[in-house]
């Protein structure tokens, strides 16, 4: 009887004690996940990654506190809005052309699409599930705010929503009518709130989104469940607007012209990135060095403004006492050229458009660590499932980054990177080479990435590289099958060499 009484007393005391710390105990059994997604941010926009021109102290600090994946890529797009394809692929975990099968618009002719491009047909199917629903099934409370821009309604897959914005910020036509003439007054000012865009509503959209994120962090500390937060900024997507103090941080005399600068790209129309494309209308043709410098000034400014908002979010996470049990993952939906190879947008296969920042911080993640292996943006989705101890569905094509981030392995699952853009561009990237195929232009391009990282010296016309290109092409065909790419490019590849 005495032993029974002791056990009963212990049980009562334990139950009572759970009232004070039990909620935190159960919540701590699974870590929180804070995913922050930028819009149009290329891999070179981080001070800690050898860009002394840009000021990103908060992202630089994350790099020191965690692991940075320096060779992170996207797979491209089936339409001019690259972000739509990237986000659809991310939210389903499906390769780009499989994600296209879930879209009602993948076969429709976009008004910005190039004319007379090689034709293909995307079959229709339904996704097996979505990232937030998998997280919810694993016991997570899910929250989303910011840019969504895919066909699935966010309210059908998330528990809680902040303010949602569909696509790019609305803006006035002045953004597309800039002359970029040195020492001549400009009709556009990034800090002029009357132009709308990120300033629509009177307060910069990045600040609004940051405020909402901090508000949910305050609420989440009272929850019994761990959180999964999907925070999608519209910055640094154009219109590249920020408060004046951020623009003033970047004097034009301190901004370099990119190594890959050229006034115009000779095949821009054939590859679907010409004068009619919205992104390319942001600066006149041909691109002047002055136009590129001003554009980069405004791009760097909005990135620095975004960096400050990320700093505020991280400070709030720490203030709520949840930082020690939270994984922070930062990345972007695609890169951006901003003068690279004569482009302003991201509808091309060059690294500045295809390659993105990817940073991961959290329990057991190696600190001040750089991983130079190939990974994809969409690997973040199965990484979150891995963190949450959720089983990876068979429909998810990508791979968890956790083994690389924690040092369990040093090798990526990907030997090569696949790239695509509608019916006008295809690409394969290995550690040494990148090969691009332009079907409409009847052109193949080859770059030795080890000695030519800015992709300026095309080797495709050198017959001594034919064997290299044939091997790349054979591997590319395997990748096409894997991602269910509907375009048969065999005739275009063979025609290029038959014309030599």
Foldseek 3Di string as FASTA:
>chain_A
DVVVVVVVVVVVVVVVVCVPCVLVVLQLVFFFEEEEAEAAAFLQLDCCVPDVQFDQVLVNVLLQQFEWESFAFAFAALDLQRLQQLLLCQFQLAFSLVSLLCDPCSQPDDPLFAPPFDDFDRHHDHGPDTLQQLLVVLFAQEEEEEERAYDDDPVVRHPYYDHYDYAFWDFDCLLLPFALDPPDDTPDDLAPLVGGGLCPVNDGVLLVLLVVLLVVLLVQLPDSHHYYYYYYYNPPDPVLHDHPVLLVSHDLVSDDQDPQFDQAAPCCSLQSNDDSRPQQSSYDGRDDSSQLSSLVSSRSSSSNVSSVSVVSSQVSCVVSVSQQRYKYKYKYSWHAQSRRNRGGGQNDDANRTTHMIIGIHYPLFDGSHYQHEYAYPSLVSVQVCVSSVGDDDPNNDHHHCVCCRNVVDNYDPDQWHWYDYNSAKTWIGGPFKIWMFGQSVLDIFMDGCVVCVSRDDTPVVPVVCPVVVVVRVVVNVVVCVVSVPRDDCVVSPVVSVVVD
